Amino acid sequence: MLIVFVIMILVGISLVVSGLEAVSVKSQSYNQCDYESYTNQNEEQFRLFNEEVQRQQSQQFVEEMQRQQDHQFIEESLKSVTPFELGGHDMMQGNSFNNGMF
């Protein structure tokens, strides 16, 4: 009877130990999957962030170019209708394409 009891205790201890090992291996595999998932998620967020930053920089560049072109157009338009004495083009010196032809 004592031998059966000792065997039952040893079997129970071995089952507990093997169960703990299985749980440990299972948690390690979960940890690896969780880590890979977390890493992939961070990489995706970083990629999306970079795309958004590039889009914003591109949009700012286009807006700045448009603003500079508008400013140059306004300056040239004003010079074309402003007398030379007030800072406009000198039409007597041939700054216009057809000035020297007449």
Protein backbone atom coordinates (compact mmCIF):
# COMPACT_ATOMS: atom_id res chain seq x y z
CA MET A 1 0.00 0.00 0.00
CA LEU A 2 2.83 2.31 0.83
CA ILE A 3 4.51 1.54 -2.47
CA VAL A 4 1.32 2.36 -4.41
CA PHE A 5 1.04 5.63 -2.51
CA VAL A 6 4.67 6.55 -3.27
CA ILE A 7 4.18 5.67 -6.94
CA MET A 8 1.06 7.83 -7.07
CA ILE A 9 2.94 10.73 -5.52
CA LEU A 10 5.84 10.33 -7.97
CA VAL A 11 3.42 10.14 -10.92
CA GLY A 12 1.63 13.25 -9.66
CA ILE A 13 4.91 15.13 -9.25
CA SER A 14 6.05 14.08 -12.72
CA LEU A 15 2.73 15.26 -14.21
CA VAL A 16 3.01 18.59 -12.43
CA VAL A 17 6.61 19.05 -13.63
CA SER A 18 5.76 18.07 -17.22
CA GLY A 19 2.73 20.37 -17.09
CA LEU A 20 4.88 23.26 -15.90
CA GLU A 21 7.37 22.57 -18.70
CA ALA A 22 4.56 22.54 -21.25
CA VAL A 23 3.19 25.80 -19.90
CA SER A 24 6.67 27.29 -19.95
CA VAL A 25 7.27 26.23 -23.58
CA LYS A 26 3.80 27.44 -24.54
CA SER A 27 4.36 30.83 -22.91
CA GLN A 28 7.71 31.14 -24.65
CA SER A 29 6.06 30.46 -27.99
CA TYR A 30 3.39 33.02 -27.17
CA ASN A 31 6.06 35.48 -26.15
CA GLN A 32 7.87 34.93 -29.45
CA CYS A 33 4.63 35.36 -31.41
CA ASP A 34 3.70 38.41 -29.38
CA TYR A 35 7.16 39.89 -29.92
CA GLU A 36 6.99 39.28 -33.68
CA SER A 37 3.50 40.73 -33.81
CA TYR A 38 4.60 43.74 -31.77
CA THR A 39 7.68 44.21 -33.99
CA ASN A 40 5.64 43.95 -37.19
CA GLN A 41 3.09 46.37 -35.79
CA ASN A 42 5.82 48.88 -34.88
CA GLU A 43 7.43 48.55 -38.30
CA GLU A 44 4.07 49.17 -39.97
CA GLN A 45 3.41 52.22 -37.78
CA PHE A 46 6.90 53.56 -38.54
CA ARG A 47 6.34 53.03 -42.29
CA LEU A 48 2.98 54.81 -42.15
CA PHE A 49 4.52 57.65 -40.14
CA ASN A 50 7.31 58.06 -42.71
CA GLU A 51 4.82 58.07 -45.57
CA GLU A 52 2.76 60.76 -43.83
CA VAL A 53 5.85 62.89 -43.15
CA GLN A 54 6.96 62.57 -46.79
CA ARG A 55 3.46 63.47 -48.00
CA GLN A 56 3.37 66.54 -45.76
CA GLN A 57 6.86 67.63 -46.86
CA SER A 58 5.91 67.18 -50.50
CA GLN A 59 2.72 69.17 -49.99
CA GLN A 60 4.63 71.95 -48.20
CA PHE A 61 7.18 72.04 -51.03
CA VAL A 62 4.45 72.34 -53.67
CA GLU A 63 2.69 75.08 -51.68
CA GLU A 64 5.96 77.01 -51.25
CA MET A 65 6.75 76.75 -54.97
CA GLN A 66 3.25 77.98 -55.82
CA ARG A 67 3.62 80.87 -53.37
CA GLN A 68 6.98 81.89 -54.90
CA GLN A 69 5.59 81.69 -58.44
CA ASP A 70 2.58 83.79 -57.43
CA HIS A 71 4.90 86.35 -55.82
CA GLN A 72 7.10 86.55 -58.95
CA PHE A 73 4.04 86.90 -61.17
CA ILE A 74 2.68 89.73 -59.03
CA GLU A 75 6.06 91.54 -59.06
CA GLU A 76 6.39 91.27 -62.85
CA SER A 77 2.77 92.31 -63.36
CA LEU A 78 3.28 95.39 -61.20
CA LYS A 79 6.56 96.26 -62.98
CA SER A 80 4.87 96.03 -66.38
CA VAL A 81 2.27 98.69 -65.45
CA THR A 82 4.49 100.85 -63.19
CA PRO A 83 6.45 103.77 -64.71
CA PHE A 84 10.23 103.32 -64.79
CA GLU A 85 10.73 106.19 -62.37
CA LEU A 86 8.69 104.34 -59.77
CA GLY A 87 10.45 100.98 -60.22
CA GLY A 88 8.83 99.55 -63.35
CA HIS A 89 10.51 98.25 -66.50
CA ASP A 90 12.52 100.70 -68.61
CA MET A 91 10.72 100.45 -71.92
CA MET A 92 13.19 102.88 -73.53
CA GLN A 93 16.10 100.43 -73.12
CA GLY A 94 14.43 97.44 -74.76
CA ASN A 95 13.40 95.35 -71.78
CA SER A 96 10.37 94.32 -73.80
CA PHE A 97 10.59 91.88 -76.71
CA ASN A 98 9.19 94.35 -79.30
CA ASN A 99 10.64 97.63 -77.99
CA GLY A 100 13.62 97.77 -80.33
CA MET A 101 11.52 97.02 -83.41
CA PHE A 102 9.53 100.29 -83.58
